[in-house]
C-alpha atoms as a PDB file:
ATOM      1  CA  MET A   1     -35.395 -35.560  78.405  1.00  0.00           C
ATOM      2  CA  SER A   2     -34.629 -32.111  79.710  1.00  0.00           C
ATOM      3  CA  ALA A   3     -34.665 -28.463  78.758  1.00  0.00           C
ATOM      4  CA  THR A   4     -31.877 -26.314  80.163  1.00  0.00           C
ATOM      5  CA  TYR A   5     -30.575 -22.849  79.365  1.00  0.00           C
ATOM      6  CA  ASP A   6     -27.450 -21.037  80.525  1.00  0.00           C
ATOM      7  CA  PRO A   7     -27.590 -17.286  79.739  1.00  0.00           C
ATOM      8  CA  THR A   8     -23.770 -17.110  79.584  1.00  0.00           C
ATOM      9  CA  LEU A   9     -24.128 -19.097  76.317  1.00  0.00           C
ATOM     10  CA  PRO A  10     -21.275 -21.565  76.860  1.00  0.00           C
ATOM     11  CA  THR A  11     -22.593 -24.108  74.327  1.00  0.00           C
ATOM     12  CA  ASP A  12     -24.140 -24.076  70.867  1.00  0.00           C
ATOM     13  CA  LYS A  13     -27.300 -25.539  72.418  1.00  0.00           C
ATOM     14  CA  ASP A  14     -27.641 -22.465  74.618  1.00  0.00           C
ATOM     15  CA  TRP A  15     -27.000 -20.229  71.598  1.00  0.00           C
ATOM     16  CA  VAL A  16     -29.785 -21.995  69.683  1.00  0.00           C
ATOM     17  CA  ARG A  17     -32.197 -21.459  72.570  1.00  0.00           C
ATOM     18  CA  PHE A  18     -31.155 -17.791  72.737  1.00  0.00           C
ATOM     19  CA  LEU A  19     -31.535 -17.244  68.984  1.00  0.00           C
ATOM     20  CA  ILE A  20     -35.035 -18.753  68.796  1.00  0.00           C
ATOM     21  CA  GLY A  21     -36.247 -17.340  72.124  1.00  0.00           C
ATOM     22  CA  ASP A  22     -36.831 -20.750  73.750  1.00  0.00           C
ATOM     23  CA  ARG A  23     -35.067 -19.769  76.978  1.00  0.00           C
ATOM     24  CA  VAL A  24     -37.599 -20.445  79.754  1.00  0.00           C
ATOM     25  CA  GLU A  25     -36.876 -23.971  80.925  1.00  0.00           C
ATOM     26  CA  ALA A  26     -40.351 -24.583  82.388  1.00  0.00           C
ATOM     27  CA  THR A  27     -42.082 -23.769  79.088  1.00  0.00           C
ATOM     28  CA  ALA A  28     -39.416 -24.852  76.592  1.00  0.00           C
ATOM     29  CA  LYS A  29     -40.768 -25.960  73.237  1.00  0.00           C
ATOM     30  CA  LEU A  30     -37.780 -28.203  72.463  1.00  0.00           C
ATOM     31  CA  GLN A  31     -35.826 -30.582  74.648  1.00  0.00           C
ATOM     32  CA  ASP A  32     -32.018 -30.352  74.893  1.00  0.00           C
ATOM     33  CA  GLU A  33     -31.660 -33.704  73.156  1.00  0.00           C
ATOM     34  CA  GLU A  34     -33.729 -32.492  70.192  1.00  0.00           C
ATOM     35  CA  ILE A  35     -31.621 -29.357  69.807  1.00  0.00           C
ATOM     36  CA  LEU A  36     -28.422 -31.409  70.078  1.00  0.00           C
ATOM     37  CA  ALA A  37     -29.698 -33.756  67.359  1.00  0.00           C
ATOM     38  CA  VAL A  38     -30.375 -30.799  65.046  1.00  0.00           C
ATOM     39  CA  LEU A  39     -26.947 -29.331  65.846  1.00  0.00           C
ATOM     40  CA  GLY A  40     -25.458 -32.663  64.780  1.00  0.00           C
ATOM     41  CA  GLU A  41     -27.190 -32.411  61.410  1.00  0.00           C
ATOM     42  CA  GLU A  42     -26.626 -28.725  60.594  1.00  0.00           C
ATOM     43  CA  ALA A  43     -23.352 -27.018  59.694  1.00  0.00           C
ATOM     44  CA  ASN A  44     -23.525 -24.312  62.398  1.00  0.00           C
ATOM     45  CA  LYS A  45     -25.637 -22.939  65.243  1.00  0.00           C
ATOM     46  CA  TYR A  46     -27.420 -20.382  63.037  1.00  0.00           C
ATOM     47  CA  LEU A  47     -28.675 -23.002  60.603  1.00  0.00           C
ATOM     48  CA  ALA A  48     -29.609 -25.215  63.558  1.00  0.00           C
ATOM     49  CA  ALA A  49     -31.530 -22.331  65.151  1.00  0.00           C
ATOM     50  CA  ALA A  50     -33.429 -21.708  61.914  1.00  0.00           C
ATOM     51  CA  ARG A  51     -34.352 -25.396  61.683  1.00  0.00           C
ATOM     52  CA  CYS A  52     -35.407 -25.530  65.348  1.00  0.00           C
ATOM     53  CA  GLY A  53     -37.565 -22.453  64.797  1.00  0.00           C
ATOM     54  CA  GLU A  54     -39.240 -24.162  61.864  1.00  0.00           C
ATOM     55  CA  ILE A  55     -39.892 -27.183  64.076  1.00  0.00           C
ATOM     56  CA  ILE A  56     -41.556 -24.923  66.652  1.00  0.00           C
ATOM     57  CA  ILE A  57     -43.756 -23.361  63.950  1.00  0.00           C
ATOM     58  CA  SER A  58     -44.696 -26.831  62.687  1.00  0.00           C
ATOM     59  CA  LEU A  59     -45.793 -27.765  66.227  1.00  0.00           C
ATOM     60  CA  GLY A  60     -48.477 -25.103  65.970  1.00  0.00           C
ATOM     61  CA  GLN A  61     -46.713 -22.455  68.038  1.00  0.00           C
ATOM     62  CA  GLY A  62     -47.133 -19.990  65.196  1.00  0.00           C
ATOM     63  CA  ALA A  63     -50.933 -20.066  65.263  1.00  0.00           C
ATOM     64  CA  VAL A  64     -52.395 -16.708  64.389  1.00  0.00           C
ATOM     65  CA  SER A  65     -55.839 -17.187  65.932  1.00  0.00           C
ATOM     66  CA  LYS A  66     -57.551 -19.338  68.524  1.00  0.00           C
ATOM     67  CA  SER A  67     -61.260 -19.832  69.183  1.00  0.00           C
ATOM     68  CA  VAL A  68     -62.958 -21.667  72.018  1.00  0.00           C
ATOM     69  CA  ASP A  69     -66.745 -21.450  72.151  1.00  0.00           C
ATOM     70  CA  ASP A  70     -67.576 -17.719  72.171  1.00  0.00           C
ATOM     71  CA  LEU A  71     -64.042 -16.633  73.042  1.00  0.00           C
ATOM     72  CA  SER A  72     -61.827 -15.667  70.119  1.00  0.00           C
ATOM     73  CA  ILE A  73     -58.239 -14.441  70.273  1.00  0.00           C
ATOM     74  CA  THR A  74     -56.539 -13.150  67.143  1.00  0.00           C
ATOM     75  CA  TYR A  75     -52.853 -12.339  67.031  1.00  0.00           C
ATOM     76  CA  GLY A  76     -52.724 -11.337  63.388  1.00  0.00           C
ATOM     77  CA  ASP A  77     -50.031 -12.832  61.251  1.00  0.00           C
ATOM     78  CA  SER A  78     -47.329 -10.414  62.412  1.00  0.00           C
ATOM     79  CA  ALA A  79     -45.963 -12.634  65.190  1.00  0.00           C
ATOM     80  CA  GLU A  80     -45.476 -15.609  62.897  1.00  0.00           C
ATOM     81  CA  SER A  81     -44.296 -13.424  60.021  1.00  0.00           C
ATOM     82  CA  SER A  82     -41.747 -11.750  62.264  1.00  0.00           C
ATOM     83  CA  PHE A  83     -40.507 -15.117  63.503  1.00  0.00           C
ATOM     84  CA  ARG A  84     -40.267 -16.464  59.938  1.00  0.00           C
ATOM     85  CA  ASP A  85     -38.297 -13.349  58.954  1.00  0.00           C
ATOM     86  CA  HIS A  86     -35.981 -13.923  61.928  1.00  0.00           C
ATOM     87  CA  LEU A  87     -35.469 -17.555  60.859  1.00  0.00           C
ATOM     88  CA  ARG A  88     -34.660 -16.411  57.310  1.00  0.00           C
ATOM     89  CA  LYS A  89     -32.010 -14.072  58.720  1.00  0.00           C
ATOM     90  CA  LEU A  90     -30.565 -16.907  60.820  1.00  0.00           C
ATOM     91  CA  ARG A  91     -30.307 -19.056  57.683  1.00  0.00           C
ATOM     92  CA  GLU A  92     -28.569 -16.219  55.833  1.00  0.00           C
ATOM     93  CA  GLU A  93     -26.113 -15.758  58.704  1.00  0.00           C
ATOM     94  CA  GLY A  94     -25.474 -19.487  58.883  1.00  0.00           C
ATOM     95  CA  ALA A  95     -24.861 -19.678  55.137  1.00  0.00           C
ATOM     96  CA  ARG A  96     -22.636 -16.589  55.232  1.00  0.00           C
ATOM     97  CA  ARG A  97     -20.488 -18.117  57.981  1.00  0.00           C
ATOM     98  CA  LEU A  98     -20.383 -21.468  56.222  1.00  0.00           C
ATOM     99  CA  TYR A  99     -19.279 -19.944  52.912  1.00  0.00           C
ATOM    100  CA  LYS A 100     -16.841 -17.643  54.644  1.00  0.00           C
ATOM    101  CA  LEU A 101     -15.027 -20.747  55.852  1.00  0.00           C
ATOM    102  CA  SER A 102     -14.820 -22.004  52.276  1.00  0.00           C
ATOM    103  CA  GLY A 103     -13.670 -18.653  50.860  1.00  0.00           C
ATOM    104  CA  ALA A 104     -16.771 -18.295  48.654  1.00  0.00           C
ATOM    105  CA  THR A 105     -19.021 -15.214  48.475  1.00  0.00           C
ATOM    106  CA  VAL A 106     -22.717 -15.167  49.388  1.00  0.00           C
ATOM    107  CA  LEU A 107     -25.039 -13.039  47.290  1.00  0.00           C
ATOM    108  CA  ARG A 108     -28.432 -12.119  48.681  1.00  0.00           C
ATOM    109  CA  THR A 109     -31.334 -11.842  46.239  1.00  0.00           C
ATOM    110  CA  LEU A 110     -34.654 -10.197  46.978  1.00  0.00           C
END
């Protein structure tokens, strides 16, 4: 398995990595094959990016605090909250593009 990224964004896989910020190959959270599998299941790259982001959060990458012996690091919940908000926006964009293809209208509720 591999993790590659091309900043010219020639493929949907590269777009997904760009959208979720998983661009550094040496520290990639998801392998190319995993992203390609999600792309095969989702209707577009925005919905795939949102799902991949949720996978990263579920792997514990969204931890808000870490303690080891007497050392404690607290990030607050803003990093994870910001990422979740970004994923919500990706889902909205993916749905908007999907419905645009069908001629339907997307209404956003708060």
